[in-house]
Amino acid sequence: MTDPNRANDNTENSAPTGEPVVSKPYIMPDDPEVGSVEALTKELAEARDRTLRTLAEMENLRQRTRREVADAKTYGITGFARDVLDIADNLQRALDAVPAETKEAADPGLKALLEGVELTERSLLNTLEKNGVKKFDPIGEKFDPNFQQAMFEVPDTSVPSGTVVQVVQAGYMIGERILRPALVGVSKGGAKAAPGADITA
């Protein structure tokens, strides 16, 4: 025996045979990943920018360190070299104190002593030069306050005014810097020297 209620249920649930089945279009919900991709792209760009800045800073640091090491190597002995210049000056003064006539007429003992002083001075100057310290003698050059210190003026019309005519104390360079300016006497009274002219030529 059939249950009339069940028969009614079957009738309601079964699709009508004459109507086609139409499916609704699928609407994609807002994609939560789109926002996170944009955020990640921005974060990646910022990280790349930070990395490039860090690399540039590292390169600058490397170059600065290289420069500082080179400067330390070249100019690290400045204080010591300045002290040694007094010894070079004293050796030069000792040699200058003996007139040329005395040197020629000197006995063998004095000649040997003078030769020893000359060799010592030459050896000292060579050692300084090996370490980047060079002596310069500006006699005959136009006075340059960057390299020389004028101690007095010499009235002399035979050379252009402002010419170094006497060197009281030699100057020294260390690398590209002045270790000690030359102490000089400068001519006064002649025609003005042309800029950059070497009067000795």
N, C-alpha and C. Protein backbone atom coordinates (compact mmCIF):
# COMPACT_ATOMS: atom_id res chain seq x y z
N MET A 1 0.83 -1.17 0.00
CA MET A 1 0.00 0.00 0.00
C MET A 1 0.88 1.23 0.00
N THR A 2 0.57 2.19 -0.83
CA THR A 2 1.41 3.39 -0.97
C THR A 2 0.91 4.49 -0.07
N ASP A 3 1.92 5.24 0.40
CA ASP A 3 1.59 6.37 1.27
C ASP A 3 1.33 7.58 0.39
N PRO A 4 0.14 8.18 0.50
CA PRO A 4 -0.18 9.32 -0.37
C PRO A 4 0.75 10.50 -0.12
N ASN A 5 1.19 10.70 1.13
CA ASN A 5 2.10 11.84 1.43
C ASN A 5 3.42 11.68 0.69
N ARG A 6 3.95 10.44 0.68
CA ARG A 6 5.21 10.19 0.02
C ARG A 6 5.07 10.41 -1.49
N ALA A 7 4.02 10.06 -2.04
CA ALA A 7 3.78 10.27 -3.46
C ALA A 7 3.78 11.74 -3.78
N ASN A 8 3.19 12.53 -2.88
CA ASN A 8 3.18 13.99 -3.08
C ASN A 8 4.59 14.55 -3.02
N ASP A 9 5.43 14.01 -2.08
CA ASP A 9 6.81 14.50 -1.96
C ASP A 9 7.58 14.26 -3.25
N ASN A 10 7.42 13.12 -3.83
CA ASN A 10 8.12 12.78 -5.07
C ASN A 10 7.71 13.71 -6.19
N THR A 11 6.46 14.05 -6.19
CA THR A 11 5.95 14.91 -7.24
C THR A 11 6.55 16.31 -7.10
N GLU A 12 6.66 16.78 -5.84
CA GLU A 12 7.20 18.13 -5.63
C GLU A 12 8.68 18.20 -5.96
N ASN A 13 9.45 17.16 -5.60
CA ASN A 13 10.90 17.18 -5.78
C ASN A 13 11.34 16.94 -7.21
N SER A 14 10.56 16.29 -7.97
CA SER A 14 10.97 16.00 -9.34
C SER A 14 10.83 17.25 -10.17
N ALA A 15 11.83 17.47 -11.04
CA ALA A 15 11.83 18.66 -11.89
C ALA A 15 10.76 18.52 -12.94
N PRO A 16 10.17 19.62 -13.28
CA PRO A 16 9.17 19.53 -14.35
C PRO A 16 9.88 19.14 -15.63
N THR A 17 9.29 18.27 -16.33
CA THR A 17 9.92 17.70 -17.50
C THR A 17 9.97 18.64 -18.67
N GLY A 18 9.13 19.60 -18.74
CA GLY A 18 9.10 20.48 -19.91
C GLY A 18 10.04 21.67 -19.80
N GLU A 19 10.55 22.08 -18.62
CA GLU A 19 11.37 23.29 -18.46
C GLU A 19 12.87 22.95 -18.44
N PRO A 20 13.72 23.71 -19.18
CA PRO A 20 15.16 23.45 -19.14
C PRO A 20 15.76 23.95 -17.81
N VAL A 21 16.87 23.30 -17.39
CA VAL A 21 17.55 23.69 -16.15
C VAL A 21 18.56 24.80 -16.48
N VAL A 22 18.41 25.95 -15.84
CA VAL A 22 19.30 27.10 -16.08
C VAL A 22 20.17 27.30 -14.84
N SER A 23 21.54 27.30 -15.05
CA SER A 23 22.43 27.52 -13.90
C SER A 23 22.75 29.01 -13.81
N LYS A 24 22.86 29.51 -12.59
CA LYS A 24 23.18 30.93 -12.37
C LYS A 24 24.68 31.13 -12.62
N PRO A 25 25.07 32.29 -13.20
CA PRO A 25 26.50 32.55 -13.40
C PRO A 25 27.22 32.68 -12.05
N TYR A 26 28.53 32.19 -12.03
CA TYR A 26 29.29 32.21 -10.78
C TYR A 26 29.94 33.59 -10.64
N ILE A 27 29.63 34.27 -9.58
CA ILE A 27 30.22 35.59 -9.33
C ILE A 27 31.39 35.40 -8.37
N MET A 28 32.59 35.81 -8.86
CA MET A 28 33.80 35.66 -8.05
C MET A 28 33.76 36.68 -6.91
N PRO A 29 33.97 36.25 -5.70
CA PRO A 29 34.01 37.21 -4.60
C PRO A 29 35.30 38.03 -4.69
N ASP A 30 35.31 39.19 -4.03
CA ASP A 30 36.54 40.00 -4.01
C ASP A 30 37.70 39.14 -3.55
N ASP A 31 38.82 39.15 -4.41
CA ASP A 31 39.96 38.29 -4.11
C ASP A 31 40.81 38.95 -3.01
N PRO A 32 40.93 38.31 -1.86
CA PRO A 32 41.73 38.91 -0.79
C PRO A 32 43.22 38.91 -1.12
N GLU A 33 43.66 38.08 -2.10
CA GLU A 33 45.07 38.00 -2.44
C GLU A 33 45.56 39.19 -3.27
N VAL A 34 44.64 39.87 -3.99
CA VAL A 34 45.04 41.00 -4.84
C VAL A 34 45.69 42.08 -3.99
N GLY A 35 45.10 42.44 -2.87
CA GLY A 35 45.66 43.44 -1.96
C GLY A 35 47.00 43.01 -1.40
N SER A 36 47.12 41.73 -1.07
CA SER A 36 48.37 41.27 -0.48
C SER A 36 49.49 41.22 -1.53
N VAL A 37 49.18 40.98 -2.81
CA VAL A 37 50.19 40.99 -3.88
C VAL A 37 50.74 42.41 -4.05
N GLU A 38 49.83 43.40 -4.02
CA GLU A 38 50.27 44.79 -4.14
C GLU A 38 51.17 45.17 -2.96
N ALA A 39 50.78 44.73 -1.77
CA ALA A 39 51.58 45.03 -0.57
C ALA A 39 52.95 44.37 -0.67
N LEU A 40 52.97 43.12 -1.16
CA LEU A 40 54.24 42.40 -1.29
C LEU A 40 55.14 43.05 -2.35
N THR A 41 54.52 43.51 -3.45
CA THR A 41 55.28 44.19 -4.50
C THR A 41 55.92 45.46 -3.96
N LYS A 42 55.13 46.22 -3.19
CA LYS A 42 55.65 47.46 -2.59
C LYS A 42 56.77 47.14 -1.61
N GLU A 43 56.56 46.11 -0.80
CA GLU A 43 57.57 45.70 0.18
C GLU A 43 58.86 45.26 -0.51
N LEU A 44 58.71 44.53 -1.63
CA LEU A 44 59.88 44.07 -2.39
C LEU A 44 60.65 45.26 -2.96
N ALA A 45 59.92 46.26 -3.50
CA ALA A 45 60.57 47.45 -4.05
C ALA A 45 61.33 48.19 -2.96
N GLU A 46 60.73 48.30 -1.77
CA GLU A 46 61.40 48.98 -0.66
C GLU A 46 62.65 48.21 -0.22
N ALA A 47 62.53 46.88 -0.18
CA ALA A 47 63.69 46.05 0.21
C ALA A 47 64.81 46.19 -0.81
N ARG A 48 64.44 46.21 -2.10
CA ARG A 48 65.44 46.37 -3.16
C ARG A 48 66.13 47.73 -3.03
N ASP A 49 65.33 48.78 -2.75
CA ASP A 49 65.89 50.12 -2.58
C ASP A 49 66.85 50.16 -1.40
N ARG A 50 66.45 49.53 -0.28
CA ARG A 50 67.32 49.49 0.90
C ARG A 50 68.62 48.75 0.59
N THR A 51 68.49 47.65 -0.17
CA THR A 51 69.68 46.86 -0.53
C THR A 51 70.64 47.68 -1.39
N LEU A 52 70.08 48.40 -2.39
CA LEU A 52 70.92 49.22 -3.26
C LEU A 52 71.61 50.33 -2.47
N ARG A 53 70.86 50.94 -1.54
CA ARG A 53 71.46 51.99 -0.70
C ARG A 53 72.59 51.42 0.16
N THR A 54 72.34 50.25 0.73
CA THR A 54 73.36 49.61 1.57
C THR A 54 74.61 49.29 0.76
N LEU A 55 74.40 48.77 -0.46
CA LEU A 55 75.54 48.46 -1.33
C LEU A 55 76.33 49.72 -1.68
N ALA A 56 75.60 50.82 -1.96
CA ALA A 56 76.27 52.09 -2.28
C ALA A 56 77.06 52.60 -1.07
N GLU A 57 76.45 52.49 0.12
CA GLU A 57 77.15 52.92 1.34
C GLU A 57 78.39 52.07 1.58
N MET A 58 78.28 50.77 1.34
CA MET A 58 79.43 49.88 1.52
C MET A 58 80.56 50.24 0.56
N GLU A 59 80.21 50.56 -0.69
CA GLU A 59 81.22 50.94 -1.68
C GLU A 59 81.90 52.25 -1.28
N ASN A 60 81.08 53.22 -0.80
CA ASN A 60 81.65 54.49 -0.33
C ASN A 60 82.58 54.26 0.85
N LEU A 61 82.16 53.39 1.77
CA LEU A 61 82.98 53.07 2.94
C LEU A 61 84.29 52.42 2.52
N ARG A 62 84.21 51.51 1.52
CA ARG A 62 85.40 50.83 1.02
C ARG A 62 86.39 51.85 0.43
N GLN A 63 85.85 52.77 -0.38
CA GLN A 63 86.72 53.78 -1.00
C GLN A 63 87.32 54.71 0.05
N ARG A 64 86.49 55.12 1.03
CA ARG A 64 86.99 56.01 2.08
C ARG A 64 88.08 55.31 2.89
N THR A 65 87.85 54.03 3.19
CA THR A 65 88.85 53.26 3.96
C THR A 65 90.14 53.14 3.17
N ARG A 66 90.02 52.87 1.86
CA ARG A 66 91.20 52.78 1.00
C ARG A 66 92.00 54.08 1.03
N ARG A 67 91.25 55.22 0.92
CA ARG A 67 91.89 56.53 0.96
C ARG A 67 92.59 56.77 2.29
N GLU A 68 91.89 56.42 3.38
CA GLU A 68 92.46 56.64 4.72
C GLU A 68 93.71 55.79 4.94
N VAL A 69 93.67 54.55 4.43
CA VAL A 69 94.85 53.68 4.56
C VAL A 69 96.02 54.25 3.77
N ALA A 70 95.73 54.73 2.55
CA ALA A 70 96.79 55.33 1.72
C ALA A 70 97.36 56.58 2.39
N ASP A 71 96.46 57.41 2.95
CA ASP A 71 96.91 58.62 3.65
C ASP A 71 97.75 58.27 4.88
N ALA A 72 97.29 57.26 5.62
CA ALA A 72 98.03 56.84 6.82
C ALA A 72 99.42 56.34 6.44
N LYS A 73 99.48 55.62 5.30
CA LYS A 73 100.77 55.10 4.84
C LYS A 73 101.69 56.25 4.41
N THR A 74 101.12 57.23 3.71
CA THR A 74 101.93 58.35 3.21
C THR A 74 102.27 59.36 4.30
N TYR A 75 101.26 59.70 5.11
CA TYR A 75 101.44 60.81 6.06
C TYR A 75 101.59 60.36 7.51
N GLY A 76 101.62 59.07 7.76
CA GLY A 76 101.73 58.56 9.13
C GLY A 76 103.03 58.93 9.81
N ILE A 77 104.06 59.17 9.03
CA ILE A 77 105.38 59.49 9.62
C ILE A 77 105.63 60.99 9.71
N THR A 78 104.59 61.79 9.52
CA THR A 78 104.77 63.25 9.48
C THR A 78 105.49 63.79 10.71
N GLY A 79 105.01 63.41 11.90
CA GLY A 79 105.63 63.91 13.14
C GLY A 79 107.08 63.50 13.26
N PHE A 80 107.34 62.23 12.98
CA PHE A 80 108.71 61.71 13.05
C PHE A 80 109.61 62.42 12.03
N ALA A 81 109.11 62.56 10.80
CA ALA A 81 109.90 63.20 9.74
C ALA A 81 110.22 64.64 10.11
N ARG A 82 109.25 65.34 10.69
CA ARG A 82 109.47 66.73 11.08
C ARG A 82 110.60 66.83 12.11
N ASP A 83 110.63 65.87 13.03
CA ASP A 83 111.71 65.86 14.04
C ASP A 83 113.07 65.57 13.41
N VAL A 84 113.08 64.68 12.43
CA VAL A 84 114.34 64.29 11.78
C VAL A 84 114.92 65.44 10.95
N LEU A 85 114.05 66.36 10.50
CA LEU A 85 114.54 67.49 9.69
C LEU A 85 115.56 68.33 10.46
N ASP A 86 115.41 68.40 11.77
CA ASP A 86 116.39 69.15 12.57
C ASP A 86 117.79 68.54 12.43
N ILE A 87 117.84 67.22 12.36
CA ILE A 87 119.13 66.54 12.20
C ILE A 87 119.73 66.87 10.83
N ALA A 88 118.88 66.83 9.80
CA ALA A 88 119.35 67.17 8.44
C ALA A 88 119.86 68.61 8.41
N ASP A 89 119.13 69.51 9.08
CA ASP A 89 119.56 70.93 9.11
C ASP A 89 120.92 71.07 9.80
N ASN A 90 121.09 70.36 10.91
CA ASN A 90 122.36 70.46 11.65
C ASN A 90 123.54 69.92 10.84
N LEU A 91 123.30 68.84 10.10
CA LEU A 91 124.36 68.30 9.24
C LEU A 91 124.73 69.31 8.16
N GLN A 92 123.70 69.95 7.58
CA GLN A 92 123.95 70.96 6.55
C GLN A 92 124.70 72.16 7.12
N ARG A 93 124.31 72.58 8.32
CA ARG A 93 125.00 73.71 8.97
C ARG A 93 126.48 73.37 9.24
N ALA A 94 126.72 72.14 9.65
CA ALA A 94 128.11 71.71 9.92
C ALA A 94 128.94 71.79 8.65
N LEU A 95 128.36 71.37 7.53
CA LEU A 95 129.09 71.42 6.26
C LEU A 95 129.29 72.86 5.80
N ASP A 96 128.26 73.70 5.99
CA ASP A 96 128.35 75.11 5.56
C ASP A 96 129.33 75.91 6.41
N ALA A 97 129.56 75.45 7.64
CA ALA A 97 130.44 76.19 8.56
C ALA A 97 131.91 76.12 8.14
N VAL A 98 132.25 75.16 7.30
CA VAL A 98 133.65 75.02 6.87
C VAL A 98 133.80 75.67 5.49
N PRO A 99 134.56 76.76 5.39
CA PRO A 99 134.74 77.42 4.09
C PRO A 99 135.41 76.50 3.06
N ALA A 100 135.16 76.78 1.80
CA ALA A 100 135.70 75.96 0.71
C ALA A 100 137.23 75.91 0.75
N GLU A 101 137.88 77.05 1.06
CA GLU A 101 139.36 77.09 1.10
C GLU A 101 139.89 76.16 2.19
N THR A 102 139.19 76.15 3.33
CA THR A 102 139.62 75.30 4.44
C THR A 102 139.50 73.83 4.07
N LYS A 103 138.41 73.51 3.35
CA LYS A 103 138.20 72.11 2.93
C LYS A 103 139.36 71.66 2.05
N GLU A 104 139.76 72.54 1.12
CA GLU A 104 140.84 72.17 0.18
C GLU A 104 142.19 72.02 0.89
N ALA A 105 142.44 72.89 1.86
CA ALA A 105 143.74 72.87 2.54
C ALA A 105 143.73 72.01 3.81
N ALA A 106 142.62 71.32 4.06
CA ALA A 106 142.48 70.57 5.32
C ALA A 106 143.38 69.34 5.32
N ASP A 107 143.76 68.95 6.53
CA ASP A 107 144.56 67.72 6.66
C ASP A 107 143.65 66.51 6.43
N PRO A 108 144.23 65.34 6.20
CA PRO A 108 143.44 64.14 5.88
C PRO A 108 142.38 63.81 6.94
N GLY A 109 142.67 64.07 8.20
CA GLY A 109 141.71 63.77 9.27
C GLY A 109 140.44 64.60 9.14
N LEU A 110 140.61 65.91 8.89
CA LEU A 110 139.45 66.81 8.73
C LEU A 110 138.68 66.48 7.46
N LYS A 111 139.43 66.18 6.38
CA LYS A 111 138.77 65.81 5.12
C LYS A 111 137.90 64.57 5.31
N ALA A 112 138.44 63.58 6.02
CA ALA A 112 137.67 62.34 6.27
C ALA A 112 136.43 62.64 7.10
N LEU A 113 136.56 63.53 8.08
CA LEU A 113 135.42 63.91 8.92
C LEU A 113 134.33 64.59 8.09
N LEU A 114 134.75 65.54 7.23
CA LEU A 114 133.79 66.24 6.37
C LEU A 114 133.10 65.29 5.40
N GLU A 115 133.88 64.36 4.84
CA GLU A 115 133.29 63.36 3.93
C GLU A 115 132.27 62.50 4.68
N GLY A 116 132.59 62.16 5.92
CA GLY A 116 131.65 61.37 6.73
C GLY A 116 130.35 62.11 7.00
N VAL A 117 130.47 63.41 7.27
CA VAL A 117 129.26 64.23 7.51
C VAL A 117 128.44 64.33 6.22
N GLU A 118 129.13 64.52 5.08
CA GLU A 118 128.43 64.59 3.79
C GLU A 118 127.70 63.28 3.49
N LEU A 119 128.38 62.16 3.71
CA LEU A 119 127.75 60.85 3.47
C LEU A 119 126.55 60.63 4.39
N THR A 120 126.69 61.06 5.64
CA THR A 120 125.58 60.91 6.60
C THR A 120 124.38 61.74 6.16
N GLU A 121 124.65 62.97 5.73
CA GLU A 121 123.55 63.84 5.27
C GLU A 121 122.87 63.24 4.04
N ARG A 122 123.69 62.78 3.08
CA ARG A 122 123.15 62.19 1.85
C ARG A 122 122.31 60.95 2.16
N SER A 123 122.81 60.12 3.07
CA SER A 123 122.10 58.90 3.46
C SER A 123 120.77 59.24 4.13
N LEU A 124 120.79 60.25 4.98
CA LEU A 124 119.56 60.68 5.67
C LEU A 124 118.53 61.19 4.67
N LEU A 125 118.97 62.02 3.73
CA LEU A 125 118.05 62.56 2.72
C LEU A 125 117.49 61.45 1.83
N ASN A 126 118.34 60.47 1.47
CA ASN A 126 117.87 59.33 0.66
C ASN A 126 116.82 58.52 1.42
N THR A 127 117.05 58.31 2.71
CA THR A 127 116.10 57.56 3.53
C THR A 127 114.78 58.31 3.64
N LEU A 128 114.86 59.62 3.83
CA LEU A 128 113.63 60.43 3.88
C LEU A 128 112.88 60.33 2.56
N GLU A 129 113.63 60.41 1.45
CA GLU A 129 113.00 60.35 0.13
C GLU A 129 112.32 59.00 -0.12
N LYS A 130 112.95 57.92 0.34
CA LYS A 130 112.33 56.58 0.20
C LYS A 130 110.99 56.52 0.92
N ASN A 131 110.85 57.34 1.96
CA ASN A 131 109.62 57.36 2.74
C ASN A 131 108.70 58.52 2.37
N GLY A 132 108.93 59.08 1.19
CA GLY A 132 108.01 60.10 0.66
C GLY A 132 108.30 61.53 1.07
N VAL A 133 109.44 61.78 1.72
CA VAL A 133 109.79 63.14 2.15
C VAL A 133 110.86 63.68 1.21
N LYS A 134 110.54 64.78 0.52
CA LYS A 134 111.49 65.33 -0.46
C LYS A 134 111.87 66.76 -0.10
N LYS A 135 113.15 67.04 -0.26
CA LYS A 135 113.68 68.39 -0.01
C LYS A 135 113.47 69.22 -1.27
N PHE A 136 113.12 70.50 -1.09
CA PHE A 136 113.06 71.38 -2.26
C PHE A 136 113.76 72.70 -1.95
N ASP A 137 114.40 73.22 -2.98
CA ASP A 137 115.19 74.45 -2.85
C ASP A 137 114.64 75.44 -3.89
N PRO A 138 113.90 76.46 -3.45
CA PRO A 138 113.21 77.34 -4.41
C PRO A 138 114.04 78.52 -4.91
N ILE A 139 115.35 78.45 -4.82
CA ILE A 139 116.19 79.58 -5.24
C ILE A 139 115.92 79.91 -6.71
N GLY A 140 115.71 81.20 -7.00
CA GLY A 140 115.46 81.64 -8.37
C GLY A 140 114.00 81.55 -8.79
N GLU A 141 113.14 80.97 -7.96
CA GLU A 141 111.72 80.85 -8.31
C GLU A 141 110.95 82.08 -7.81
N LYS A 142 109.77 82.28 -8.39
CA LYS A 142 108.89 83.34 -7.90
C LYS A 142 108.39 82.93 -6.52
N PHE A 143 108.36 83.88 -5.58
CA PHE A 143 107.94 83.59 -4.21
C PHE A 143 106.50 83.07 -4.21
N ASP A 144 106.29 81.95 -3.52
CA ASP A 144 104.96 81.34 -3.39
C ASP A 144 104.70 81.09 -1.90
N PRO A 145 103.76 81.83 -1.30
CA PRO A 145 103.51 81.69 0.13
C PRO A 145 102.99 80.32 0.54
N ASN A 146 102.54 79.53 -0.42
CA ASN A 146 102.08 78.17 -0.10
C ASN A 146 103.25 77.23 0.19
N PHE A 147 104.43 77.57 -0.35
CA PHE A 147 105.59 76.70 -0.20
C PHE A 147 106.77 77.36 0.52
N GLN A 148 106.72 78.68 0.64
CA GLN A 148 107.85 79.40 1.22
C GLN A 148 107.36 80.41 2.27
N GLN A 149 108.27 80.73 3.16
CA GLN A 149 108.00 81.76 4.16
C GLN A 149 109.09 82.82 4.02
N ALA A 150 108.68 84.06 3.69
CA ALA A 150 109.65 85.14 3.49
C ALA A 150 110.15 85.63 4.84
N MET A 151 111.46 85.63 5.00
CA MET A 151 112.08 86.08 6.25
C MET A 151 112.56 87.53 6.14
N PHE A 152 112.96 87.92 4.93
CA PHE A 152 113.45 89.29 4.71
C PHE A 152 113.42 89.60 3.22
N GLU A 153 113.58 90.90 2.91
CA GLU A 153 113.64 91.33 1.52
C GLU A 153 115.06 91.79 1.20
N VAL A 154 115.46 91.53 -0.03
CA VAL A 154 116.81 91.90 -0.47
C VAL A 154 116.67 92.91 -1.61
N PRO A 155 117.14 94.16 -1.42
CA PRO A 155 117.08 95.12 -2.53
C PRO A 155 117.98 94.66 -3.67
N ASP A 156 117.37 94.38 -4.81
CA ASP A 156 118.14 93.87 -5.96
C ASP A 156 117.35 94.16 -7.22
N THR A 157 117.85 95.06 -8.04
CA THR A 157 117.14 95.41 -9.28
C THR A 157 117.52 94.51 -10.45
N SER A 158 118.49 93.62 -10.24
CA SER A 158 118.94 92.76 -11.34
C SER A 158 118.00 91.58 -11.57
N VAL A 159 117.13 91.30 -10.60
CA VAL A 159 116.16 90.20 -10.77
C VAL A 159 114.76 90.75 -10.52
N PRO A 160 113.75 90.13 -11.11
CA PRO A 160 112.39 90.62 -10.89
C PRO A 160 112.01 90.62 -9.41
N SER A 161 111.23 91.61 -9.03
CA SER A 161 110.77 91.71 -7.65
C SER A 161 109.94 90.48 -7.29
N GLY A 162 110.10 89.99 -6.06
CA GLY A 162 109.34 88.82 -5.62
C GLY A 162 110.01 87.51 -5.97
N THR A 163 111.30 87.57 -6.34
CA THR A 163 112.04 86.35 -6.66
C THR A 163 112.79 85.86 -5.42
N VAL A 164 112.81 84.55 -5.22
CA VAL A 164 113.57 83.98 -4.10
C VAL A 164 115.05 84.05 -4.46
N VAL A 165 115.81 84.86 -3.69
CA VAL A 165 117.23 85.04 -3.99
C VAL A 165 118.13 84.38 -2.94
N GLN A 166 117.54 83.96 -1.83
CA GLN A 166 118.34 83.32 -0.79
C GLN A 166 117.45 82.33 -0.03
N VAL A 167 118.01 81.16 0.26
CA VAL A 167 117.29 80.16 1.05
C VAL A 167 118.01 80.01 2.39
N VAL A 168 117.32 80.39 3.46
CA VAL A 168 117.88 80.29 4.80
C VAL A 168 117.76 78.85 5.30
N GLN A 169 116.62 78.25 5.00
CA GLN A 169 116.37 76.87 5.43
C GLN A 169 115.55 76.18 4.34
N ALA A 170 116.02 75.01 3.90
CA ALA A 170 115.33 74.29 2.81
C ALA A 170 113.94 73.86 3.25
N GLY A 171 113.06 73.73 2.27
CA GLY A 171 111.70 73.25 2.54
C GLY A 171 111.60 71.76 2.25
N TYR A 172 110.56 71.13 2.80
CA TYR A 172 110.34 69.70 2.59
C TYR A 172 108.87 69.42 2.32
N MET A 173 108.64 68.48 1.40
CA MET A 173 107.29 68.00 1.08
C MET A 173 107.17 66.57 1.59
N ILE A 174 105.95 66.20 1.98
CA ILE A 174 105.66 64.79 2.27
C ILE A 174 104.44 64.43 1.43
N GLY A 175 104.63 63.56 0.47
CA GLY A 175 103.55 63.28 -0.48
C GLY A 175 103.24 64.55 -1.25
N GLU A 176 101.97 64.96 -1.22
CA GLU A 176 101.55 66.18 -1.91
C GLU A 176 101.42 67.36 -0.95
N ARG A 177 101.80 67.18 0.30
CA ARG A 177 101.63 68.23 1.30
C ARG A 177 102.98 68.84 1.70
N ILE A 178 102.89 70.05 2.22
CA ILE A 178 104.09 70.72 2.75
C ILE A 178 104.36 70.18 4.14
N LEU A 179 105.57 69.68 4.34
CA LEU A 179 105.99 69.25 5.67
C LEU A 179 106.56 70.45 6.41
N ARG A 180 107.36 71.23 5.68
CA ARG A 180 107.92 72.45 6.25
C ARG A 180 108.20 73.43 5.11
N PRO A 181 107.70 74.67 5.22
CA PRO A 181 107.99 75.64 4.15
C PRO A 181 109.45 76.05 4.17
N ALA A 182 109.95 76.45 3.03
CA ALA A 182 111.33 76.95 2.95
C ALA A 182 111.37 78.37 3.51
N LEU A 183 112.38 78.67 4.30
CA LEU A 183 112.57 80.03 4.82
C LEU A 183 113.48 80.75 3.83
N VAL A 184 112.97 81.86 3.27
CA VAL A 184 113.68 82.48 2.14
C VAL A 184 113.81 83.98 2.28
N GLY A 185 114.76 84.53 1.48
CA GLY A 185 114.88 85.97 1.28
C GLY A 185 114.38 86.28 -0.12
N VAL A 186 113.59 87.35 -0.23
CA VAL A 186 112.92 87.67 -1.49
C VAL A 186 113.44 89.01 -2.02
N SER A 187 113.64 89.07 -3.34
CA SER A 187 114.16 90.30 -3.96
C SER A 187 113.11 91.41 -3.95
N LYS A 188 113.62 92.64 -3.92
CA LYS A 188 112.74 93.81 -3.93
C LYS A 188 113.39 94.87 -4.81
N GLY A 189 112.59 95.52 -5.63
CA GLY A 189 113.11 96.65 -6.40
C GLY A 189 113.20 96.42 -7.89
N GLY A 190 113.28 95.18 -8.36
CA GLY A 190 113.35 94.91 -9.79
C GLY A 190 111.97 94.94 -10.42
N ALA A 191 111.91 94.63 -11.72
CA ALA A 191 110.62 94.56 -12.40
C ALA A 191 109.80 93.42 -11.80
N LYS A 192 108.47 93.52 -11.94
CA LYS A 192 107.62 92.46 -11.38
C LYS A 192 107.81 91.18 -12.18
N ALA A 193 107.87 90.05 -11.47
CA ALA A 193 108.04 88.74 -12.13
C ALA A 193 106.74 88.33 -12.79
N ALA A 194 106.84 87.74 -13.98
CA ALA A 194 105.65 87.23 -14.66
C ALA A 194 105.14 86.03 -13.88
N PRO A 195 103.79 85.85 -13.81
CA PRO A 195 103.25 84.72 -13.06
C PRO A 195 103.78 83.40 -13.60
N GLY A 196 104.26 82.55 -12.71
CA GLY A 196 104.74 81.21 -13.08
C GLY A 196 106.10 81.20 -13.74
N ALA A 197 106.76 82.33 -13.79
CA ALA A 197 108.07 82.37 -14.46
C ALA A 197 109.15 81.79 -13.57
N ASP A 198 110.05 81.03 -14.18
CA ASP A 198 111.22 80.51 -13.46
C ASP A 198 112.40 81.41 -13.82
N ILE A 199 112.89 82.12 -12.85
CA ILE A 199 113.91 83.15 -13.10
C ILE A 199 115.26 82.55 -13.43
N THR A 200 115.49 81.28 -13.05
CA THR A 200 116.80 80.66 -13.26
C THR A 200 117.04 80.30 -14.71
N ALA A 201 115.98 80.23 -15.51
CA ALA A 201 116.11 79.80 -16.90
C ALA A 201 116.85 80.84 -17.71
